Amino acid sequence: MQVSVDETSELGRKIKVQVPEDEIQSKIAKRLQSLSQSARIDGFRPGKVPSSIIRKRYGEPVRKEVVGELIQSSLNDALQERELRPVGVPTIDKTSAESGQGLEFEATIEIYPNIELAPAAELEVVRPVCEINDVDIDARIVKLRGQRANWEEVERESDTGDRLTISFSGTVDNEDFTNGTVDDFQTEIGGGQMIEGFEDQLIGLKAGEDKAFDVTFPEGYRNEKLSGKSAEFNISVKKIEQPIIPEVDEEFVKNFGIETGDLDDFRRAVRANLEKERDRAIGGKTKIAVMAAMLENNPINLPRALIDQEVEQIKKQQASSAADTRQEPSEEQLDYFETEARRRVALGLLLIEIVDKNNVKVDGVRVRSAIEEMSQSYESPDSVVDWYYSNPKELEKIENMVLEEQVVDLIMEDAKVTDQPIDFSELVPSH
């Protein structure tokens, strides 16, 4: 077998393979010999058919079969011989396999890039640091009191903090839109549930009143058809309720599992929860910072095939969450898909390289801990843990997440890290 490789681009290769006729004939002869033992031809007993008749009847289809197998096997041998790692399935071109002339074919491939990782010591990472204080604890208790509030119907004009039951219908350019008409909908003024400006229009109304107003959907709204568009809404107020906020007393504290009912014990528990949230947020932001530093310090020429695969995956994810799955992506969305696909592919290649070069193995203890932590939000945590360990694909997702965290920890050991103080309210805005 003769092999030659031409470089068509930085990652593109054209492989030319030649397989001599005698190798083809050798495989054909073995195949025909095997067929002669089982072939059934009138006038001959099984295993006694002359080879000339076997070759005449089966020679052409057997040659095609052998040539097809040789293309695959010789291409694999050529890739191994030249130490080429193809991305995706090679494209076979210009196949010639005339009888007596041997086999010649060309294959076009894209290869994975060679990655020379920048030293971790060259990466600059800003890590947020945050101390939980009494202001944070007080703010969380206020939120918890609001969540435990009872609602009392009132006969007055609505104000911020009230909960309204309304019916509404909306149009854009005089046309209805998906989820634009809803009856008996509850929303809290100031709760941020609706698009910006909608809840402000609900202030100063009484039960039984109607109102029409215009608000604008934000740019980048999840429904592309509504993004940046002005909408006209007609609403009817059915009911207005005000919250009755509970006092922080022994009964309130016990509702959160603090058996002593002691306020100091309650505050310590709140602090512990805030510290967990802080640690998760810091871990997430640090991971983002490390990944960004990796991309900045390790530019890679990316295989087009991998980018295209990732773009298709993003399209599917977007389509599954879109209100109208028939809607074609806009040019702006396609640009985003391309940019995001490039980022994901580059990070994936870098992570694989770091894992391989540092022989990083997924930490089973951390995987178990991550699953157990997630399971705590369910009624039956043990069942959730068992479910993950009985579903290999779901378990693999957690393992990949943990492996990424291990890579981040590895890089942080040598990176240039700058700690940046930040308030909890800024670190975790939703608190």
Protein backbone atom coordinates (compact mmCIF):
# COMPACT_ATOMS: atom_id res chain seq x y z
CA MET A 1 0.00 0.00 0.00
CA GLN A 2 1.29 3.44 -0.93
CA VAL A 3 0.12 6.54 0.90
CA SER A 4 0.64 10.24 0.23
CA VAL A 5 -0.80 13.17 2.15
CA ASP A 6 -1.31 16.71 0.81
CA GLU A 7 -2.06 19.65 3.11
CA THR A 8 -5.04 21.56 1.72
CA SER A 9 -5.35 23.94 4.68
CA GLU A 10 -4.08 24.19 8.24
CA LEU A 11 -6.42 21.37 9.27
CA GLY A 12 -7.41 19.99 5.86
CA ARG A 13 -5.69 16.93 4.40
CA LYS A 14 -6.10 14.98 1.16
CA ILE A 15 -4.95 11.39 1.43
CA LYS A 16 -4.10 9.36 -1.66
CA VAL A 17 -3.99 5.58 -1.23
CA GLN A 18 -2.90 2.91 -3.69
CA VAL A 19 -3.53 -0.79 -3.06
CA PRO A 20 -1.79 -3.23 -5.48
CA GLU A 21 -3.87 -5.63 -7.57
CA ASP A 22 -2.23 -8.72 -6.08
CA GLU A 23 -3.57 -7.80 -2.62
CA ILE A 24 -7.05 -7.41 -4.07
CA GLN A 25 -6.78 -10.73 -5.91
CA SER A 26 -5.56 -12.48 -2.80
CA LYS A 27 -8.63 -11.37 -0.83
CA ILE A 28 -10.94 -12.19 -3.76
CA ALA A 29 -9.46 -15.68 -4.02
CA LYS A 30 -10.02 -16.35 -0.31
CA ARG A 31 -13.58 -15.07 -0.54
CA LEU A 32 -14.35 -17.17 -3.63
CA GLN A 33 -12.80 -20.25 -2.01
CA SER A 34 -15.11 -19.78 0.95
CA LEU A 35 -18.09 -19.34 -1.36
CA SER A 36 -17.23 -22.51 -3.30
CA GLN A 37 -17.84 -24.58 -0.18
CA SER A 38 -21.42 -23.43 0.18
CA ALA A 39 -22.48 -22.35 -3.33
CA ARG A 40 -25.37 -24.33 -4.80
CA ILE A 41 -25.27 -24.53 -8.59
CA ASP A 42 -27.35 -26.93 -10.66
CA GLY A 43 -25.34 -29.90 -11.88
CA PHE A 44 -22.72 -29.77 -9.14
CA ARG A 45 -22.56 -31.09 -5.61
CA PRO A 46 -21.84 -28.56 -2.85
CA GLY A 47 -18.09 -27.99 -2.58
CA LYS A 48 -17.42 -29.51 -6.02
CA VAL A 49 -18.15 -26.48 -8.25
CA PRO A 50 -15.13 -25.65 -10.46
CA SER A 51 -13.33 -22.46 -9.49
CA SER A 52 -13.75 -21.02 -12.99
CA ILE A 53 -17.53 -21.20 -12.66
CA ILE A 54 -17.43 -19.72 -9.14
CA ARG A 55 -15.28 -16.82 -10.39
CA LYS A 56 -17.51 -16.24 -13.42
CA ARG A 57 -20.68 -16.11 -11.34
CA TYR A 58 -19.42 -14.35 -8.22
CA GLY A 59 -16.20 -12.63 -9.28
CA GLU A 60 -17.61 -9.17 -10.02
CA PRO A 61 -19.80 -8.74 -6.91
CA VAL A 62 -17.05 -10.20 -4.72
CA ARG A 63 -14.55 -7.71 -6.17
CA LYS A 64 -16.89 -4.81 -5.37
CA GLU A 65 -17.31 -6.14 -1.84
CA VAL A 66 -13.56 -6.58 -1.34
CA VAL A 67 -12.79 -3.14 -2.79
CA GLY A 68 -15.32 -1.51 -0.43
CA GLU A 69 -13.76 -3.24 2.57
CA LEU A 70 -10.23 -2.34 1.40
CA ILE A 71 -11.13 1.32 1.11
CA GLN A 72 -12.16 1.39 4.77
CA SER A 73 -9.32 -0.77 6.10
CA SER A 74 -6.56 0.84 4.01
CA LEU A 75 -7.77 4.34 4.94
CA ASN A 76 -7.69 3.42 8.63
CA ASP A 77 -4.19 1.99 8.16
CA ALA A 78 -3.09 5.15 6.34
CA LEU A 79 -4.44 7.38 9.13
CA GLN A 80 -2.59 5.35 11.75
CA GLU A 81 0.61 5.27 9.68
CA ARG A 82 0.61 9.07 9.31
CA GLU A 83 -0.71 9.65 12.85
CA LEU A 84 -3.71 11.63 11.63
CA ARG A 85 -6.82 12.09 13.82
CA PRO A 86 -9.79 12.85 11.55
CA VAL A 87 -12.75 14.94 12.66
CA GLY A 88 -15.97 13.29 11.58
CA VAL A 89 -16.30 10.89 8.66
CA PRO A 90 -13.73 11.18 5.81
CA THR A 91 -15.05 11.99 2.33
CA ILE A 92 -13.98 9.42 -0.29
CA ASP A 93 -13.21 10.88 -3.73
CA LYS A 94 -11.98 9.63 -7.12
CA THR A 95 -12.15 5.89 -6.55
CA SER A 96 -10.59 3.73 -9.30
CA ALA A 97 -10.65 -0.06 -9.02
CA GLU A 98 -10.64 -1.45 -12.54
CA SER A 99 -9.77 -5.14 -12.73
CA GLY A 100 -6.04 -5.60 -13.14
CA GLN A 101 -5.28 -1.99 -12.20
CA GLY A 102 -5.40 -2.20 -8.42
CA LEU A 103 -7.24 0.24 -6.18
CA GLU A 104 -6.64 3.99 -6.04
CA PHE A 105 -8.71 6.50 -4.10
CA GLU A 106 -8.52 9.88 -2.42
CA ALA A 107 -9.99 10.86 0.92
CA THR A 108 -10.54 14.37 2.26
CA ILE A 109 -10.40 14.87 6.01
CA GLU A 110 -10.20 17.54 8.66
CA ILE A 111 -7.85 16.82 11.54
CA TYR A 112 -7.80 17.90 15.16
CA PRO A 113 -5.40 20.75 15.85
CA ASN A 114 -2.19 20.27 17.76
CA ILE A 115 -2.55 22.26 20.97
CA GLU A 116 0.41 23.68 22.86
CA LEU A 117 -1.07 24.78 26.16
CA ALA A 118 0.06 28.08 27.61
CA PRO A 119 1.47 27.62 31.14
CA ALA A 120 -1.19 28.07 33.81
CA ALA A 121 1.11 30.62 35.47
CA GLU A 122 0.44 32.97 32.53
CA LEU A 123 -3.31 32.97 33.10
CA GLU A 124 -4.75 35.95 34.98
CA VAL A 125 -7.94 35.25 36.93
CA VAL A 126 -10.08 37.59 39.02
CA ARG A 127 -11.76 35.69 41.85
CA PRO A 128 -14.61 37.28 43.82
CA VAL A 129 -14.43 37.13 47.61
CA CYS A 130 -17.39 37.85 49.84
CA GLU A 131 -18.05 38.00 53.56
CA ILE A 132 -21.59 37.40 54.81
CA ASN A 133 -22.69 40.14 57.21
CA ASP A 134 -25.74 41.02 59.30
CA VAL A 135 -27.20 43.15 56.49
CA ASP A 136 -27.24 40.09 54.22
CA ILE A 137 -28.86 37.96 56.92
CA ASP A 138 -31.51 40.63 57.59
CA ALA A 139 -32.28 40.90 53.88
CA ARG A 140 -32.73 37.16 53.57
CA ILE A 141 -35.05 37.06 56.60
CA VAL A 142 -37.15 39.81 55.00
CA LYS A 143 -37.42 37.67 51.88
CA LEU A 144 -38.36 34.59 53.92
CA ARG A 145 -41.05 36.57 55.71
CA GLY A 146 -42.42 37.66 52.35
CA GLN A 147 -42.50 34.08 51.12
CA ARG A 148 -44.52 33.05 54.20
CA ALA A 149 -46.94 35.96 53.88
CA ASN A 150 -50.70 35.44 53.91
CA TRP A 151 -52.72 37.44 51.38
CA GLU A 152 -55.72 39.55 52.38
CA GLU A 153 -58.17 40.97 49.84
CA VAL A 154 -58.52 44.75 50.04
CA GLU A 155 -60.84 47.35 48.53
CA ARG A 156 -58.52 50.19 47.61
CA GLU A 157 -56.19 51.28 44.86
CA SER A 158 -53.34 48.90 44.14
CA ASP A 159 -49.76 49.71 45.17
CA THR A 160 -46.29 48.21 45.03
CA GLY A 161 -46.18 44.89 46.91
CA ASP A 162 -49.81 44.06 46.25
CA ARG A 163 -50.83 40.90 44.44
CA LEU A 164 -53.33 41.38 41.65
CA THR A 165 -55.49 38.82 39.88
CA ILE A 166 -55.99 40.09 36.35
CA SER A 167 -57.04 39.03 32.88
CA PHE A 168 -55.12 40.51 29.98
CA SER A 169 -54.77 40.35 26.23
CA GLY A 170 -51.91 41.72 24.20
CA THR A 171 -51.28 42.48 20.55
CA VAL A 172 -48.25 43.46 18.50
CA ASP A 173 -48.93 45.30 15.25
CA ASN A 174 -52.63 44.58 15.88
CA GLU A 175 -52.02 40.83 15.88
CA ASP A 176 -52.34 38.37 18.76
CA PHE A 177 -49.17 36.60 19.87
CA THR A 178 -48.40 33.34 21.70
CA ASN A 179 -49.33 33.48 25.43
CA GLY A 180 -50.60 37.04 24.92
CA THR A 181 -54.06 36.33 26.34
CA VAL A 182 -54.47 34.99 29.89
CA ASP A 183 -57.38 34.87 32.34
CA ASP A 184 -57.15 34.97 36.14
CA PHE A 185 -53.42 35.62 36.20
CA GLN A 186 -51.74 36.49 39.51
CA THR A 187 -48.82 38.91 39.59
CA GLU A 188 -47.16 40.87 42.35
CA ILE A 189 -46.45 44.52 41.65
CA GLY A 190 -42.69 44.96 41.93
CA GLY A 191 -42.04 41.23 41.79
CA GLY A 192 -40.39 41.44 38.37
CA GLN A 193 -42.48 38.64 36.94
CA MET A 194 -43.63 40.61 33.88
CA ILE A 195 -41.67 42.50 31.24
CA GLU A 196 -40.32 45.88 32.33
CA GLY A 197 -43.01 48.54 32.58
CA PHE A 198 -45.99 46.17 32.76
CA GLU A 199 -46.26 46.04 36.56
CA ASP A 200 -45.87 49.81 36.87
CA GLN A 201 -49.08 50.17 34.85
CA LEU A 202 -50.96 48.19 37.49
CA ILE A 203 -50.41 50.76 40.25
CA GLY A 204 -53.40 52.87 41.26
CA LEU A 205 -56.12 50.56 40.01
CA LYS A 206 -59.16 49.14 41.79
CA ALA A 207 -60.88 45.77 41.42
CA GLY A 208 -63.29 45.88 38.49
CA GLU A 209 -61.33 48.52 36.56
CA ASP A 210 -59.97 48.09 33.04
CA LYS A 211 -56.92 49.72 31.52
CA ALA A 212 -55.12 49.80 28.17
CA PHE A 213 -51.43 50.62 27.87
CA ASP A 214 -48.34 50.05 25.73
CA VAL A 215 -45.07 48.45 26.83
CA THR A 216 -42.05 47.36 24.82
CA PHE A 217 -40.57 43.89 24.85
CA PRO A 218 -36.84 43.99 25.61
CA GLU A 219 -34.22 43.41 22.94
CA GLY A 220 -33.13 39.79 22.94
CA TYR A 221 -36.50 38.58 24.24
CA ARG A 222 -36.79 34.79 24.04
CA ASN A 223 -39.49 35.05 21.37
CA GLU A 224 -37.61 36.66 18.49
CA LYS A 225 -40.85 37.91 16.91
CA LEU A 226 -41.52 40.05 19.99
CA SER A 227 -37.97 41.25 20.64
CA GLY A 228 -37.88 45.06 20.77
CA LYS A 229 -41.53 45.32 19.68
CA SER A 230 -44.14 47.61 21.23
CA ALA A 231 -47.19 45.75 22.50
CA GLU A 232 -50.65 47.02 23.42
CA PHE A 233 -52.24 45.37 26.45
CA ASN A 234 -55.81 45.49 27.73
CA ILE A 235 -56.19 44.37 31.32
CA SER A 236 -59.09 43.83 33.75
CA VAL A 237 -58.44 43.80 37.50
CA LYS A 238 -60.32 40.99 39.25
CA LYS A 239 -58.90 41.18 42.77
CA ILE A 240 -56.33 43.10 44.84
CA GLU A 241 -54.60 41.52 47.84
CA GLN A 242 -52.07 42.86 50.28
CA PRO A 243 -49.50 40.72 52.10
CA ILE A 244 -49.76 40.04 55.81
CA ILE A 245 -46.12 39.60 56.76
CA PRO A 246 -45.50 37.25 59.72
CA GLU A 247 -43.45 38.34 62.70
CA VAL A 248 -40.12 36.63 63.34
CA ASP A 249 -41.22 34.80 66.47
CA GLU A 250 -40.74 31.30 67.85
CA GLU A 251 -43.46 29.83 65.64
CA PHE A 252 -42.01 31.41 62.51
CA VAL A 253 -38.51 30.15 63.31
CA LYS A 254 -39.73 26.60 63.99
CA ASN A 255 -41.33 26.52 60.54
CA PHE A 256 -37.80 26.48 59.13
CA GLY A 257 -36.74 23.42 61.09
CA ILE A 258 -35.14 25.27 64.02
CA GLU A 259 -36.57 23.17 66.84
CA THR A 260 -35.37 25.51 69.58
CA GLY A 261 -37.34 28.39 68.08
CA ASP A 262 -34.38 30.59 69.05
CA LEU A 263 -33.72 33.64 66.83
CA ASP A 264 -29.92 33.36 67.17
CA ASP A 265 -30.07 29.73 66.03
CA PHE A 266 -32.24 30.84 63.13
CA ARG A 267 -29.79 33.55 62.10
CA ARG A 268 -26.93 31.06 62.24
CA ALA A 269 -28.87 28.72 59.95
CA VAL A 270 -29.61 31.58 57.55
CA ARG A 271 -25.92 32.50 57.53
CA ALA A 272 -24.95 28.91 56.76
CA ASN A 273 -27.33 28.84 53.78
CA LEU A 274 -26.04 32.17 52.51
CA GLU A 275 -22.48 30.87 52.77
CA LYS A 276 -23.42 27.84 50.65
CA GLU A 277 -24.99 30.12 48.04
CA ARG A 278 -21.93 32.37 48.16
CA ASP A 279 -19.56 29.46 47.65
CA ARG A 280 -21.57 28.16 44.68
CA ALA A 281 -21.67 31.62 43.11
CA ILE A 282 -17.95 32.19 43.63
CA GLY A 283 -17.24 28.76 42.18
CA GLY A 284 -19.36 29.54 39.13
CA LYS A 285 -17.84 32.96 38.52
CA THR A 286 -14.32 31.64 39.05
CA LYS A 287 -14.98 28.87 36.55
CA ILE A 288 -16.18 31.42 33.99
CA ALA A 289 -13.08 33.55 34.61
CA VAL A 290 -10.74 30.56 34.24
CA MET A 291 -12.43 29.44 31.03
CA ALA A 292 -12.19 32.96 29.61
CA ALA A 293 -8.48 33.10 30.50
CA MET A 294 -7.93 29.71 28.87
CA LEU A 295 -9.53 30.88 25.64
CA GLU A 296 -7.62 34.16 25.62
CA ASN A 297 -4.24 32.51 26.18
CA ASN A 298 -4.75 29.48 23.94
CA PRO A 299 -5.97 30.51 20.48
CA ILE A 300 -6.89 27.43 18.43
CA ASN A 301 -7.66 26.87 14.77
CA LEU A 302 -10.99 25.06 15.04
CA PRO A 303 -12.21 22.25 12.76
CA ARG A 304 -15.19 23.44 10.74
CA ALA A 305 -16.91 20.09 11.17
CA LEU A 306 -16.96 20.44 14.96
CA ILE A 307 -18.29 23.99 14.74
CA ASP A 308 -21.09 22.90 12.40
CA GLN A 309 -22.02 20.02 14.71
CA GLU A 310 -22.20 22.37 17.70
CA VAL A 311 -24.25 24.95 15.77
CA GLU A 312 -26.82 22.25 14.99
CA GLN A 313 -26.89 21.23 18.64
CA ILE A 314 -27.51 24.84 19.73
CA LYS A 315 -30.27 25.20 17.14
CA LYS A 316 -32.00 22.11 18.55
CA GLN A 317 -31.71 23.46 22.10
CA GLN A 318 -33.14 26.82 21.05
CA ALA A 319 -35.95 25.22 19.07
CA SER A 320 -36.99 23.00 21.98
CA SER A 321 -37.44 26.05 24.23
CA ALA A 322 -38.98 28.36 21.63
CA ALA A 323 -42.67 29.14 21.74
CA ASP A 324 -42.89 28.70 17.96
CA THR A 325 -40.66 25.81 16.84
CA ARG A 326 -41.42 26.55 13.19
CA GLN A 327 -39.71 29.92 13.36
CA GLU A 328 -36.46 30.13 11.41
CA PRO A 329 -33.45 31.65 13.24
CA SER A 330 -32.70 35.28 12.40
CA GLU A 331 -29.33 36.44 11.08
CA GLU A 332 -28.56 37.79 14.54
CA GLN A 333 -29.33 34.41 16.09
CA LEU A 334 -27.22 32.58 13.52
CA ASP A 335 -24.29 34.86 14.33
CA TYR A 336 -24.78 34.07 18.01
CA PHE A 337 -24.94 30.31 17.26
CA GLU A 338 -21.64 30.54 15.38
CA THR A 339 -19.90 32.51 18.13
CA GLU A 340 -21.21 30.27 20.90
CA ALA A 341 -20.35 27.12 18.94
CA ARG A 342 -16.78 28.31 18.49
CA ARG A 343 -16.49 29.03 22.20
CA ARG A 344 -17.84 25.62 23.18
CA VAL A 345 -15.65 23.73 20.70
CA ALA A 346 -12.52 25.60 21.76
CA LEU A 347 -13.21 25.00 25.45
CA GLY A 348 -13.96 21.34 24.81
CA LEU A 349 -10.66 20.83 22.99
CA LEU A 350 -8.72 22.70 25.68
CA LEU A 351 -10.34 20.73 28.50
CA ILE A 352 -9.56 17.42 26.77
CA GLU A 353 -5.94 18.49 26.30
CA ILE A 354 -5.55 19.55 29.94
CA VAL A 355 -7.17 16.35 31.21
CA ASP A 356 -4.94 14.18 28.99
CA LYS A 357 -1.68 15.98 29.71
CA ASN A 358 -2.27 16.09 33.45
CA ASN A 359 -3.86 12.63 33.67
CA VAL A 360 -6.87 14.06 35.49
CA LYS A 361 -9.34 11.39 36.59
CA VAL A 362 -12.86 12.21 37.66
CA ASP A 363 -13.16 12.23 41.45
CA GLY A 364 -15.90 9.79 42.40
CA VAL A 365 -16.23 11.30 45.88
CA ARG A 366 -16.92 14.74 44.42
CA VAL A 367 -19.41 13.25 41.98
CA ARG A 368 -21.28 11.60 44.85
CA SER A 369 -21.21 14.81 46.86
CA ALA A 370 -22.57 16.84 43.91
CA ILE A 371 -25.41 14.40 43.36
CA GLU A 372 -26.30 14.29 47.06
CA GLU A 373 -26.34 18.08 47.23
CA MET A 374 -28.70 18.32 44.24
CA SER A 375 -30.93 15.60 45.67
CA GLN A 376 -31.66 17.64 48.81
CA SER A 377 -34.21 19.77 46.96
CA TYR A 378 -36.39 16.68 46.33
CA GLU A 379 -38.80 14.91 48.65
CA SER A 380 -36.90 11.61 48.40
CA PRO A 381 -33.16 12.40 48.16
CA ASP A 382 -32.06 8.75 48.30
CA SER A 383 -34.25 7.90 45.32
CA VAL A 384 -32.73 10.76 43.34
CA VAL A 385 -29.21 9.53 44.11
CA ASP A 386 -30.13 6.01 43.04
CA TRP A 387 -31.71 7.39 39.85
CA TYR A 388 -28.48 9.13 38.82
CA TYR A 389 -26.39 6.04 39.42
CA SER A 390 -28.80 3.90 37.41
CA ASN A 391 -28.81 6.29 34.43
CA PRO A 392 -25.35 6.32 32.80
CA LYS A 393 -26.06 9.34 30.56
CA GLU A 394 -27.25 11.49 33.46
CA LEU A 395 -24.36 10.32 35.62
CA GLU A 396 -21.94 11.24 32.83
CA LYS A 397 -23.27 14.82 32.85
CA ILE A 398 -22.42 15.15 36.54
CA GLU A 399 -19.02 13.53 36.00
CA ASN A 400 -18.23 16.01 33.22
CA MET A 401 -19.27 18.90 35.44
CA VAL A 402 -17.03 17.65 38.26
CA LEU A 403 -14.16 17.05 35.84
CA GLU A 404 -14.43 20.69 34.67
CA GLU A 405 -14.30 21.81 38.31
CA GLN A 406 -11.19 19.70 38.84
CA VAL A 407 -9.54 21.34 35.82
CA VAL A 408 -10.42 24.77 37.25
CA ASP A 409 -8.88 23.79 40.60
CA LEU A 410 -5.75 22.57 38.82
CA ILE A 411 -5.32 25.82 36.90
CA MET A 412 -6.02 27.96 39.96
CA GLU A 413 -3.06 26.35 41.74
CA ASP A 414 -0.62 28.17 39.41
CA ALA A 415 -2.63 31.02 37.84
CA LYS A 416 -2.14 34.68 38.72
CA VAL A 417 -5.18 35.15 40.94
CA THR A 418 -6.48 38.54 42.05
CA ASP A 419 -9.12 38.51 44.79
CA GLN A 420 -11.86 41.09 44.29
CA PRO A 421 -14.15 41.90 47.25
CA ILE A 422 -17.84 41.94 46.36
CA ASP A 423 -21.09 42.37 48.31
CA PHE A 424 -23.38 39.37 48.55
CA SER A 425 -26.21 41.39 47.00
CA GLU A 426 -24.07 41.87 43.90
CA LEU A 427 -22.66 38.34 43.89
CA VAL A 428 -26.13 36.74 44.15
CA PRO A 429 -28.56 39.41 42.86
CA SER A 430 -31.65 37.23 43.27
CA HIS A 431 -31.36 37.00 47.04
